[in-house]
N, C-alpha and C. Protein backbone atom coordinates (compact mmCIF):
# COMPACT_ATOMS: atom_id res chain seq x y z
N UNK A 1 84.72 -114.16 16.24
CA UNK A 1 86.58 -114.32 16.07
C UNK A 1 86.53 -113.72 14.78
N UNK A 2 85.52 -113.56 13.66
CA UNK A 2 85.93 -113.20 12.41
C UNK A 2 85.81 -111.70 12.61
N UNK A 3 84.56 -111.34 12.92
CA UNK A 3 84.14 -109.84 13.16
C UNK A 3 85.26 -108.97 13.74
N UNK A 4 85.55 -109.50 14.95
CA UNK A 4 86.40 -108.77 15.56
C UNK A 4 87.99 -108.87 14.95
N UNK A 5 88.46 -110.02 14.39
CA UNK A 5 89.59 -109.73 13.59
C UNK A 5 89.43 -109.12 12.23
N UNK A 6 88.36 -109.26 11.75
CA UNK A 6 88.21 -108.57 10.27
C UNK A 6 88.10 -106.74 10.63
N UNK A 7 87.68 -106.46 11.66
CA UNK A 7 87.46 -105.12 11.92
C UNK A 7 88.78 -104.47 12.50
N UNK A 8 89.91 -105.15 12.77
CA UNK A 8 90.92 -104.72 13.13
C UNK A 8 91.93 -104.36 11.89
N UNK A 9 92.63 -102.97 12.00
CA UNK A 9 93.23 -102.42 11.12
C UNK A 9 94.65 -103.04 11.20
N UNK A 10 94.97 -103.58 12.12
CA UNK A 10 96.48 -104.05 11.92
C UNK A 10 96.74 -105.21 11.48
N UNK A 11 98.10 -105.21 10.59
CA UNK A 11 98.52 -106.03 9.53
C UNK A 11 99.58 -107.14 10.12
N UNK A 12 100.36 -106.58 10.90
CA UNK A 12 101.58 -107.06 11.69
C UNK A 12 102.28 -108.03 10.49
N UNK A 13 102.58 -107.54 9.55
CA UNK A 13 103.49 -107.88 8.62
C UNK A 13 103.05 -109.25 7.78
N UNK A 14 101.92 -109.29 7.63
CA UNK A 14 101.30 -110.78 7.10
C UNK A 14 101.44 -110.68 5.66
N UNK A 15 102.10 -109.80 4.92
CA UNK A 15 102.27 -109.96 3.37
C UNK A 15 103.02 -111.05 2.89
N UNK A 16 104.08 -111.96 3.84
CA UNK A 16 104.94 -112.74 3.56
C UNK A 16 103.85 -114.11 3.46
N UNK A 17 102.81 -114.08 4.78
CA UNK A 17 101.93 -115.02 4.52
C UNK A 17 100.57 -114.93 3.34
N UNK A 18 100.29 -113.72 3.15
CA UNK A 18 99.41 -113.46 1.85
C UNK A 18 100.00 -114.41 1.09
N UNK A 19 101.08 -113.92 0.68
CA UNK A 19 101.85 -114.73 -0.86
C UNK A 19 102.02 -116.32 -0.78
N UNK A 20 102.05 -116.89 0.49
CA UNK A 20 101.82 -118.29 0.59
C UNK A 20 100.40 -118.54 0.32
N UNK A 21 99.47 -117.77 0.89
CA UNK A 21 98.08 -118.31 0.85
C UNK A 21 97.71 -118.33 -0.80
N UNK A 22 98.02 -116.99 -1.23
CA UNK A 22 97.72 -117.07 -2.75
C UNK A 22 98.53 -118.00 -3.42
N UNK A 23 99.72 -118.39 -3.30
CA UNK A 23 100.05 -119.44 -4.18
C UNK A 23 99.49 -120.86 -3.99
N UNK A 24 98.71 -121.13 -2.73
CA UNK A 24 97.83 -122.24 -2.60
C UNK A 24 96.72 -122.06 -3.56
N UNK A 25 96.31 -121.12 -3.58
CA UNK A 25 94.91 -121.00 -4.62
C UNK A 25 95.56 -121.21 -6.15
N UNK A 26 96.48 -120.56 -6.30
CA UNK A 26 97.02 -120.73 -7.73
C UNK A 26 97.69 -122.13 -8.17
N UNK A 27 97.89 -123.04 -7.25
CA UNK A 27 98.42 -124.08 -7.07
C UNK A 27 97.73 -125.15 -8.10
N UNK A 28 98.53 -126.05 -9.01
CA UNK A 28 97.60 -126.99 -9.73
C UNK A 28 97.21 -128.04 -8.72
N UNK A 29 95.96 -128.43 -9.01
CA UNK A 29 95.58 -129.57 -8.16
C UNK A 29 96.06 -130.94 -8.80
N UNK A 30 95.89 -132.12 -7.67
CA UNK A 30 95.19 -131.85 -6.62
C UNK A 30 96.24 -131.26 -5.54
N UNK A 31 95.55 -130.58 -4.33
CA UNK A 31 96.42 -130.09 -3.33
C UNK A 31 95.80 -130.45 -2.06
N UNK A 32 96.31 -131.02 -1.06
CA UNK A 32 95.57 -131.40 0.11
C UNK A 32 95.41 -129.82 1.01
N UNK A 33 94.65 -129.89 2.11
CA UNK A 33 94.51 -128.63 2.66
C UNK A 33 95.78 -127.95 2.74
N UNK A 34 95.79 -126.61 3.11
CA UNK A 34 96.88 -126.14 3.81
C UNK A 34 96.66 -125.68 5.31
N UNK A 35 97.55 -126.29 6.14
CA UNK A 35 97.45 -125.97 7.61
C UNK A 35 98.30 -124.62 7.93
N UNK A 36 97.40 -123.73 8.52
CA UNK A 36 97.87 -122.41 9.48
C UNK A 36 98.22 -122.89 10.58
N UNK A 37 99.43 -123.08 11.38
CA UNK A 37 99.27 -123.38 12.66
C UNK A 37 100.54 -122.41 13.53
N UNK A 38 100.03 -122.45 14.53
CA UNK A 38 100.96 -121.34 15.39
C UNK A 38 100.30 -121.71 16.81
N UNK A 39 100.92 -120.94 17.87
CA UNK A 39 100.24 -121.16 19.17
C UNK A 39 99.30 -119.91 19.52
N UNK A 40 98.45 -120.28 20.69
CA UNK A 40 97.43 -118.95 20.88
C UNK A 40 97.99 -117.78 20.91
N UNK A 41 97.22 -116.82 20.01
CA UNK A 41 97.62 -115.35 20.20
C UNK A 41 98.77 -115.00 18.78
N UNK A 42 99.05 -116.21 18.19
CA UNK A 42 100.05 -115.75 16.99
C UNK A 42 99.61 -115.10 15.80
N UNK A 43 98.20 -114.87 16.08
CA UNK A 43 97.67 -114.35 14.67
C UNK A 43 96.94 -114.82 13.33
N UNK A 44 96.71 -116.22 13.80
CA UNK A 44 95.97 -117.02 12.55
C UNK A 44 94.56 -116.76 12.22
N UNK A 45 93.88 -116.06 13.36
CA UNK A 45 92.51 -115.78 12.95
C UNK A 45 92.40 -114.20 12.45
N UNK A 46 93.55 -113.62 12.62
CA UNK A 46 93.86 -112.14 12.37
C UNK A 46 94.01 -112.44 10.82
N UNK A 47 95.01 -113.28 10.63
CA UNK A 47 95.54 -113.49 9.36
C UNK A 47 94.41 -113.97 8.10
N UNK A 48 93.94 -114.84 8.93
CA UNK A 48 92.68 -115.42 7.77
C UNK A 48 91.69 -114.61 7.34
N UNK A 49 91.28 -113.66 8.41
CA UNK A 49 90.35 -112.57 8.31
C UNK A 49 90.71 -111.80 7.37
N UNK A 50 91.79 -111.22 7.51
CA UNK A 50 92.35 -110.43 6.55
C UNK A 50 92.34 -111.07 4.98
N UNK A 51 93.02 -111.86 4.87
CA UNK A 51 93.26 -112.68 3.57
C UNK A 51 91.51 -112.86 3.06
N UNK A 52 90.72 -113.04 3.91
CA UNK A 52 89.76 -113.51 3.35
C UNK A 52 88.98 -111.98 2.64
N UNK A 53 89.18 -110.98 3.34
CA UNK A 53 88.82 -109.49 2.97
C UNK A 53 89.71 -109.20 1.39
N UNK A 54 90.88 -109.65 1.37
CA UNK A 54 91.59 -109.44 0.43
C UNK A 54 91.33 -110.26 -1.02
N UNK A 55 90.65 -111.53 -0.61
CA UNK A 55 90.21 -112.21 -1.88
C UNK A 55 88.78 -112.00 -1.86
N UNK A 56 88.31 -111.36 -1.29
CA UNK A 56 86.50 -110.95 -1.62
C UNK A 56 86.92 -109.50 -2.49
N UNK A 57 88.02 -109.08 -2.09
CA UNK A 57 88.21 -107.30 -2.95
C UNK A 57 88.79 -107.97 -4.22
N UNK A 58 89.29 -108.76 -4.28
CA UNK A 58 90.31 -109.10 -5.59
C UNK A 58 89.87 -109.98 -6.46
N UNK A 59 89.06 -111.11 -5.98
CA UNK A 59 88.70 -112.46 -6.83
C UNK A 59 87.14 -112.30 -6.63
N UNK A 60 86.30 -111.48 -7.59
CA UNK A 60 85.17 -111.72 -7.77
C UNK A 60 84.46 -113.09 -8.23
N UNK A 61 85.33 -113.94 -8.99
CA UNK A 61 84.98 -115.29 -9.58
C UNK A 61 85.06 -116.22 -8.40
N UNK A 62 85.52 -116.22 -7.19
CA UNK A 62 86.15 -116.96 -6.20
C UNK A 62 85.05 -117.01 -5.08
N UNK A 63 84.63 -118.16 -4.78
CA UNK A 63 83.35 -118.39 -3.87
C UNK A 63 84.10 -118.77 -2.46
N UNK A 64 83.80 -118.04 -1.56
CA UNK A 64 84.42 -118.14 0.02
C UNK A 64 83.47 -118.93 0.89
N UNK A 65 83.99 -120.00 1.57
CA UNK A 65 83.13 -120.35 2.48
C UNK A 65 84.04 -120.48 3.80
N UNK A 66 83.69 -119.75 4.54
CA UNK A 66 84.62 -119.58 5.74
C UNK A 66 83.65 -119.90 7.05
N UNK A 67 84.49 -120.42 8.34
CA UNK A 67 83.96 -120.69 9.51
C UNK A 67 84.89 -120.29 10.57
N UNK A 68 84.54 -119.43 11.55
CA UNK A 68 85.75 -119.30 12.68
C UNK A 68 85.02 -119.80 13.96
N UNK A 69 85.85 -120.58 14.57
CA UNK A 69 85.11 -121.79 15.50
C UNK A 69 85.87 -120.75 16.96
N UNK A 70 84.63 -120.58 17.63
CA UNK A 70 84.61 -119.86 18.90
C UNK A 70 85.37 -120.83 19.85
N UNK A 71 84.66 -121.04 21.08
CA UNK A 71 85.02 -121.92 22.13
C UNK A 71 84.50 -123.26 22.07
N UNK A 72 85.22 -124.31 22.46
CA UNK A 72 84.93 -125.59 21.82
C UNK A 72 83.63 -126.17 22.44
N UNK A 73 83.06 -125.61 23.26
CA UNK A 73 81.52 -125.64 24.05
C UNK A 73 80.55 -125.23 23.43
N UNK A 74 80.71 -124.27 22.21
CA UNK A 74 79.83 -123.27 21.75
C UNK A 74 79.17 -123.80 20.31
N UNK A 75 78.15 -123.50 19.99
CA UNK A 75 77.70 -123.78 18.58
C UNK A 75 78.44 -123.75 17.55
N UNK A 76 79.54 -122.78 17.74
CA UNK A 76 80.22 -122.69 16.40
C UNK A 76 81.37 -123.97 16.22
N UNK A 77 81.37 -124.61 17.22
CA UNK A 77 82.29 -125.93 17.37
C UNK A 77 81.47 -127.19 16.94
N UNK A 78 80.16 -126.87 16.35
CA UNK A 78 79.15 -128.23 16.04
C UNK A 78 79.39 -128.45 14.76
N UNK A 79 80.27 -129.51 14.30
CA UNK A 79 80.49 -129.84 12.72
C UNK A 79 78.98 -129.80 11.93
N UNK A 80 78.15 -130.22 12.28
CA UNK A 80 77.22 -130.63 11.55
C UNK A 80 76.18 -129.11 11.03
N UNK A 81 76.55 -128.18 12.20
CA UNK A 81 76.06 -126.79 12.15
C UNK A 81 77.01 -125.88 10.76
N UNK A 82 78.35 -126.17 10.90
CA UNK A 82 79.32 -125.73 9.78
C UNK A 82 78.88 -126.43 8.42
N UNK A 83 78.43 -127.82 8.59
CA UNK A 83 78.35 -128.28 6.96
C UNK A 83 77.00 -127.79 6.67
N UNK A 84 76.15 -127.62 7.37
CA UNK A 84 74.71 -127.36 7.04
C UNK A 84 74.96 -125.71 6.37
N UNK A 85 75.58 -124.84 7.10
CA UNK A 85 75.71 -123.28 6.65
C UNK A 85 76.61 -123.67 5.13
N UNK A 86 77.30 -124.51 5.03
CA UNK A 86 78.22 -124.51 3.86
C UNK A 86 77.53 -125.15 2.81
N UNK A 87 76.58 -126.19 3.09
CA UNK A 87 75.98 -126.68 2.15
C UNK A 87 74.74 -125.72 1.40
N UNK A 88 74.09 -124.99 2.57
CA UNK A 88 72.93 -123.90 2.15
C UNK A 88 73.62 -123.11 0.96
N UNK A 89 74.96 -122.35 1.39
CA UNK A 89 75.60 -121.59 0.64
C UNK A 89 75.81 -122.13 -0.90
N UNK A 90 76.27 -123.39 -0.70
CA UNK A 90 76.52 -124.08 -1.98
C UNK A 90 75.31 -124.22 -2.78
N UNK A 91 74.23 -124.44 -2.11
CA UNK A 91 73.01 -124.98 -2.75
C UNK A 91 72.39 -123.67 -3.47
N UNK A 92 72.76 -122.32 -2.71
CA UNK A 92 72.25 -120.94 -3.17
C UNK A 92 73.20 -120.41 -4.42
N UNK A 93 74.39 -120.99 -4.14
CA UNK A 93 75.27 -120.63 -5.70
C UNK A 93 74.72 -121.66 -7.03
N UNK A 94 73.95 -122.73 -6.73
CA UNK A 94 73.61 -123.77 -7.70
C UNK A 94 72.11 -123.55 -7.90
N UNK A 95 71.56 -122.40 -7.37
CA UNK A 95 70.25 -122.42 -7.74
C UNK A 95 69.41 -123.78 -7.62
N UNK A 96 69.47 -124.56 -6.71
CA UNK A 96 69.02 -125.75 -6.45
C UNK A 96 68.08 -125.40 -5.43
N UNK A 97 66.87 -126.49 -5.48
CA UNK A 97 65.86 -126.49 -4.47
C UNK A 97 65.34 -127.53 -3.91
N UNK A 98 66.55 -128.47 -3.96
CA UNK A 98 66.55 -129.77 -2.97
C UNK A 98 66.30 -129.68 -1.79
N UNK A 99 65.65 -130.24 -1.21
CA UNK A 99 65.54 -130.07 0.34
C UNK A 99 66.77 -130.41 1.23
N UNK A 100 67.24 -130.04 2.21
CA UNK A 100 68.37 -130.19 3.10
C UNK A 100 68.04 -130.92 4.10
N UNK A 101 68.88 -132.07 4.29
CA UNK A 101 68.56 -133.04 5.27
C UNK A 101 68.94 -132.36 6.61
N UNK A 102 68.55 -132.94 7.76
CA UNK A 102 68.78 -132.15 9.09
C UNK A 102 69.93 -133.17 10.04
N UNK A 103 69.89 -134.69 9.32
CA UNK A 103 70.59 -135.42 10.05
C UNK A 103 72.04 -135.30 9.96
N UNK A 104 72.92 -135.10 11.07
CA UNK A 104 74.23 -134.78 11.00
C UNK A 104 75.15 -135.84 10.12
N UNK A 105 74.70 -137.38 10.16
CA UNK A 105 75.54 -138.22 9.57
C UNK A 105 75.09 -138.14 7.88
N UNK A 106 73.91 -137.58 7.34
CA UNK A 106 73.75 -137.37 6.23
C UNK A 106 74.33 -136.20 5.64
N UNK A 107 74.42 -135.13 6.23
CA UNK A 107 74.77 -133.54 5.86
C UNK A 107 76.46 -134.32 5.80
N UNK A 108 77.12 -134.93 6.80
CA UNK A 108 78.36 -135.34 6.36
C UNK A 108 78.64 -136.05 5.09
N UNK A 109 77.68 -136.86 4.60
CA UNK A 109 77.71 -137.47 3.23
C UNK A 109 77.46 -136.45 2.38
N UNK A 110 76.54 -135.80 2.32
CA UNK A 110 75.87 -134.86 1.18
C UNK A 110 76.77 -133.69 1.10
N UNK A 111 77.39 -133.26 1.86
CA UNK A 111 78.18 -131.90 1.64
C UNK A 111 79.33 -132.27 0.45
N UNK A 112 80.32 -133.14 0.59
CA UNK A 112 81.01 -133.44 -0.75
C UNK A 112 80.27 -133.48 -1.76
N UNK A 113 79.14 -134.22 -1.98
CA UNK A 113 78.31 -134.13 -2.94
C UNK A 113 78.01 -132.90 -3.69
N UNK A 114 77.41 -131.69 -2.52
CA UNK A 114 77.30 -130.49 -3.40
C UNK A 114 78.32 -129.70 -3.48
N UNK A 115 79.50 -130.00 -3.03
CA UNK A 115 80.88 -129.30 -3.14
C UNK A 115 81.15 -129.57 -4.74
N UNK A 116 81.09 -130.93 -5.08
CA UNK A 116 81.43 -131.45 -6.14
C UNK A 116 80.58 -131.07 -7.39
N UNK A 117 79.32 -130.88 -7.07
CA UNK A 117 78.28 -130.66 -8.06
C UNK A 117 78.25 -129.02 -8.43
N UNK A 118 78.92 -128.25 -7.51
CA UNK A 118 78.78 -126.74 -7.62
C UNK A 118 80.27 -126.63 -8.39
N UNK A 119 81.36 -127.06 -7.97
CA UNK A 119 82.64 -126.89 -8.70
C UNK A 119 82.55 -127.39 -10.08
N UNK A 120 81.96 -128.15 -10.13
CA UNK A 120 81.66 -128.48 -11.95
C UNK A 120 81.13 -127.69 -12.73
N UNK A 121 80.19 -126.48 -12.29
CA UNK A 121 79.83 -125.50 -12.84
C UNK A 121 80.00 -124.05 -12.43
N UNK A 122 80.90 -123.91 -11.56
CA UNK A 122 81.44 -122.77 -10.94
C UNK A 122 82.63 -122.43 -11.97
N UNK A 123 82.47 -121.24 -12.37
CA UNK A 123 83.63 -120.45 -13.17
C UNK A 123 84.78 -120.16 -12.52
N UNK A 124 85.09 -120.14 -11.16
CA UNK A 124 86.20 -119.78 -10.39
C UNK A 124 86.60 -120.81 -9.56
N UNK A 125 87.36 -120.32 -8.69
CA UNK A 125 87.75 -121.10 -7.51
C UNK A 125 86.66 -121.17 -6.43
N UNK A 126 86.48 -122.06 -5.64
CA UNK A 126 85.89 -122.39 -4.28
C UNK A 126 87.07 -122.38 -3.20
N UNK A 127 86.99 -121.69 -2.24
CA UNK A 127 88.08 -121.65 -1.21
C UNK A 127 87.06 -122.08 0.21
N UNK A 128 87.57 -122.95 0.98
CA UNK A 128 86.92 -123.49 2.21
C UNK A 128 87.83 -123.15 3.25
N UNK A 129 87.81 -121.98 4.09
CA UNK A 129 88.75 -121.63 5.40
C UNK A 129 87.83 -122.01 6.38
N UNK A 130 88.47 -122.91 7.44
CA UNK A 130 88.12 -122.97 8.92
C UNK A 130 89.09 -122.59 9.78
N UNK A 131 88.79 -121.58 10.47
CA UNK A 131 89.77 -121.11 11.61
C UNK A 131 89.48 -122.00 12.65
N UNK A 132 90.61 -122.30 13.55
CA UNK A 132 90.67 -122.93 14.93
C UNK A 132 89.55 -124.23 14.54
N UNK A 133 89.92 -125.12 13.56
CA UNK A 133 89.31 -126.40 13.00
C UNK A 133 89.48 -127.38 14.47
N UNK A 134 90.48 -127.33 14.94
CA UNK A 134 90.89 -128.34 16.17
C UNK A 134 90.25 -128.37 17.26
N UNK A 135 89.31 -126.97 17.20
CA UNK A 135 88.41 -126.76 18.47
C UNK A 135 86.79 -127.76 17.85
N UNK A 136 86.80 -128.11 16.77
CA UNK A 136 85.84 -128.76 16.52
C UNK A 136 85.11 -129.96 17.43
N UNK A 137 83.81 -130.22 17.88
CA UNK A 137 83.82 -131.57 18.44
C UNK A 137 84.17 -132.67 17.52
N UNK A 138 84.88 -133.47 17.88
CA UNK A 138 85.32 -134.88 17.16
C UNK A 138 85.72 -134.48 15.77
N UNK A 139 86.59 -133.61 15.41
CA UNK A 139 87.04 -132.81 14.43
C UNK A 139 87.55 -133.82 13.31
N UNK A 140 88.26 -134.56 13.84
CA UNK A 140 88.94 -135.67 12.71
C UNK A 140 87.68 -136.72 12.06
N UNK A 141 86.68 -136.92 12.96
CA UNK A 141 85.82 -137.92 12.67
C UNK A 141 84.79 -137.00 11.54
N UNK A 142 84.34 -135.81 11.74
CA UNK A 142 83.30 -134.95 11.00
C UNK A 142 83.93 -134.43 9.62
N UNK A 143 85.34 -134.33 9.99
CA UNK A 143 85.79 -133.32 8.70
C UNK A 143 87.03 -134.47 7.75
N UNK A 144 86.19 -136.05 7.84
CA UNK A 144 87.15 -136.67 6.89
C UNK A 144 87.00 -136.26 5.42
N UNK A 145 86.02 -135.54 5.24
CA UNK A 145 86.26 -134.78 3.66
C UNK A 145 87.28 -134.31 3.40
N UNK A 146 87.81 -133.55 4.29
CA UNK A 146 89.20 -132.91 3.97
C UNK A 146 90.43 -133.74 3.47
N UNK A 147 90.31 -135.31 3.70
CA UNK A 147 91.35 -135.87 3.34
C UNK A 147 91.06 -136.70 2.00
N UNK A 148 90.06 -136.68 1.39
CA UNK A 148 89.35 -136.99 0.30
C UNK A 148 89.83 -136.13 -0.55
N UNK A 149 90.15 -136.58 -2.02
CA UNK A 149 90.53 -135.99 -3.08
C UNK A 149 89.25 -134.74 -3.31
N UNK A 150 89.61 -133.56 -3.32
CA UNK A 150 88.89 -132.39 -3.63
C UNK A 150 88.58 -132.06 -5.09
N UNK A 151 87.26 -131.70 -5.31
CA UNK A 151 87.36 -131.12 -6.75
C UNK A 151 88.47 -130.13 -7.15
N UNK A 152 88.96 -130.32 -8.57
CA UNK A 152 90.07 -129.43 -8.83
C UNK A 152 90.08 -128.03 -8.58
N UNK A 153 89.04 -127.32 -8.60
CA UNK A 153 88.90 -125.85 -8.13
C UNK A 153 88.54 -125.43 -6.97
N UNK A 154 88.77 -126.31 -5.94
CA UNK A 154 88.23 -126.20 -4.33
C UNK A 154 89.89 -126.27 -3.60
N UNK A 155 89.81 -125.02 -3.14
CA UNK A 155 91.09 -125.27 -1.98
C UNK A 155 90.48 -125.31 -0.51
N UNK A 156 91.30 -125.41 0.29
CA UNK A 156 91.04 -125.59 1.43
C UNK A 156 92.08 -125.39 2.48
N UNK A 157 91.82 -124.04 3.31
CA UNK A 157 92.64 -123.62 4.22
C UNK A 157 91.91 -123.77 5.70
N UNK A 158 93.01 -124.38 6.71
CA UNK A 158 92.53 -124.48 8.01
C UNK A 158 93.50 -124.03 8.84
N UNK A 159 93.15 -123.60 10.19
CA UNK A 159 94.26 -123.28 11.17
C UNK A 159 94.08 -123.98 12.33
N UNK A 160 95.21 -124.24 13.15
CA UNK A 160 94.94 -125.03 14.25
C UNK A 160 95.95 -124.50 15.31
N UNK A 161 95.72 -124.65 16.52
CA UNK A 161 96.90 -124.59 17.59
C UNK A 161 97.73 -125.56 17.46
N UNK A 162 99.13 -125.27 17.30
CA UNK A 162 100.10 -126.10 17.34
C UNK A 162 99.97 -127.01 18.07
N UNK A 163 99.77 -126.96 19.17
CA UNK A 163 99.78 -128.29 20.27
C UNK A 163 98.62 -128.85 20.26
N UNK A 164 97.49 -128.65 19.65
CA UNK A 164 96.38 -129.49 19.62
C UNK A 164 95.91 -130.06 18.15
N UNK A 165 96.86 -129.86 17.32
CA UNK A 165 96.43 -130.46 15.89
C UNK A 165 96.39 -132.10 15.73
N UNK A 166 95.70 -132.43 15.33
CA UNK A 166 95.48 -133.77 15.11
C UNK A 166 96.63 -134.16 14.25
N UNK A 167 97.19 -135.63 14.68
CA UNK A 167 98.47 -136.33 14.14
C UNK A 167 98.36 -136.15 12.80
N UNK A 168 97.28 -136.39 12.10
CA UNK A 168 97.32 -137.15 10.97
C UNK A 168 97.16 -135.69 10.08
N UNK A 169 96.94 -134.50 10.40
CA UNK A 169 97.02 -133.44 10.10
C UNK A 169 98.11 -132.60 9.39
N UNK A 170 99.17 -132.98 10.58
CA UNK A 170 100.48 -132.73 10.46
C UNK A 170 101.41 -132.92 9.04
N UNK A 171 100.75 -134.05 8.48
CA UNK A 171 101.45 -134.19 7.35
C UNK A 171 101.13 -133.15 6.00
N UNK A 172 100.11 -132.40 6.21
CA UNK A 172 99.53 -131.43 5.21
C UNK A 172 100.86 -130.34 5.15
N UNK A 173 100.53 -129.66 3.82
CA UNK A 173 101.53 -128.23 3.69
C UNK A 173 101.10 -127.26 4.94
N UNK A 174 102.28 -127.04 5.71
CA UNK A 174 101.96 -125.95 6.70
C UNK A 174 102.68 -124.67 6.79
N UNK A 175 101.77 -123.63 7.01
CA UNK A 175 102.44 -122.34 7.16
C UNK A 175 102.35 -121.95 8.76
N UNK A 176 103.50 -122.08 9.03
CA UNK A 176 103.39 -121.85 10.82
C UNK A 176 103.76 -120.33 10.96
N UNK A 177 102.65 -119.89 11.85
CA UNK A 177 103.21 -118.38 12.50
C UNK A 177 103.86 -118.36 13.47
N UNK A 178 104.86 -117.81 13.68
CA UNK A 178 105.62 -117.20 14.98
C UNK A 178 104.68 -116.79 15.86
N UNK A 179 105.27 -116.79 17.22
CA UNK A 179 104.63 -116.19 18.01
C UNK A 179 104.78 -114.33 17.88
N UNK A 180 104.17 -113.50 18.41
CA UNK A 180 104.18 -112.09 18.02
C UNK A 180 105.34 -111.77 18.87
N UNK A 181 106.23 -110.80 18.25
CA UNK A 181 107.23 -110.33 19.03
C UNK A 181 106.29 -109.17 19.81
N UNK A 182 107.14 -108.38 20.52
CA UNK A 182 107.01 -107.16 21.52
C UNK A 182 106.75 -106.04 20.36
N UNK A 183 107.23 -105.79 19.70
CA UNK A 183 106.91 -104.59 18.85
C UNK A 183 105.46 -105.15 18.46
N UNK A 184 105.33 -106.23 17.45
CA UNK A 184 103.91 -106.69 17.11
C UNK A 184 102.70 -106.66 18.30
N UNK A 185 102.88 -107.04 19.23
CA UNK A 185 101.94 -106.78 20.16
C UNK A 185 101.71 -105.42 20.85
N UNK A 186 102.61 -104.55 20.71
CA UNK A 186 102.14 -103.34 21.12
C UNK A 186 101.46 -102.68 19.96
N UNK A 187 101.68 -102.87 18.78
CA UNK A 187 101.19 -102.26 17.74
C UNK A 187 99.63 -102.58 18.02
N UNK A 188 99.38 -103.83 17.76
CA UNK A 188 98.15 -104.48 18.04
C UNK A 188 97.46 -103.91 18.85
N UNK A 189 98.03 -103.61 20.37
CA UNK A 189 97.31 -103.22 21.68
C UNK A 189 97.00 -101.70 21.09
N UNK A 190 98.09 -100.86 20.53
CA UNK A 190 97.77 -99.63 20.19
C UNK A 190 96.79 -99.34 19.36
N UNK A 191 96.35 -100.13 18.25
CA UNK A 191 95.49 -100.30 17.56
C UNK A 191 94.29 -100.42 17.94
N UNK A 192 93.97 -101.73 18.44
CA UNK A 192 92.76 -101.74 19.36
C UNK A 192 92.46 -100.58 20.06
N UNK A 193 93.23 -100.10 21.10
CA UNK A 193 93.15 -98.96 21.82
C UNK A 193 92.36 -98.06 21.16
N UNK A 194 93.17 -97.35 20.00
CA UNK A 194 92.39 -96.08 19.49
C UNK A 194 91.17 -96.54 18.40
N UNK A 195 91.07 -97.76 18.17
CA UNK A 195 89.74 -98.09 17.66
C UNK A 195 88.46 -97.98 18.16
N UNK A 196 88.69 -97.99 19.68
CA UNK A 196 87.75 -98.02 20.47
C UNK A 196 87.97 -96.49 21.53
N UNK A 197 88.89 -95.41 20.88
CA UNK A 197 89.18 -94.47 21.44
C UNK A 197 89.53 -94.43 23.05
N UNK A 198 90.43 -95.40 23.16
CA UNK A 198 91.19 -95.27 24.56
C UNK A 198 92.15 -94.50 24.61
């Protein structure tokens, strides 16, 4: 999902949403995760992939951990694999040679510790982005660390389908994407068709 969305050159008037996402990064801590919600096809994945690209281009001190969940039955929906990937990335930036557990329950325990450890030494922000987090298997159980107080320089952005968002998460600050209008749908289709020479 990330690769396909990031290859698109269509922007769909996302500037207003970029501003809200940028405000989240700049806001004083503590701050709960930002929920990007919308119906299927409202542009959540496209928005997040484009914003990640902007962050990578303009914020060299920012460490960005991101994951785009595919189908709920795919390996991309396995919380343990996501936390393992994120933990490995944190370990790379902390120059640690500690062994990484493969036990999913221990990964769930250790990830917040690694996040705390790296955030204490990292000069910039750490942004965690999980697209379609509501598609994760047992999302609320495996993502409990999201509701714990996060380190001061850590920000979290997650996207959900407005219809399947867990009730407890609905209290978080929300950026709601309206369904695409006909003009935007046509622009997106034209852009995608021209990118593959149709």
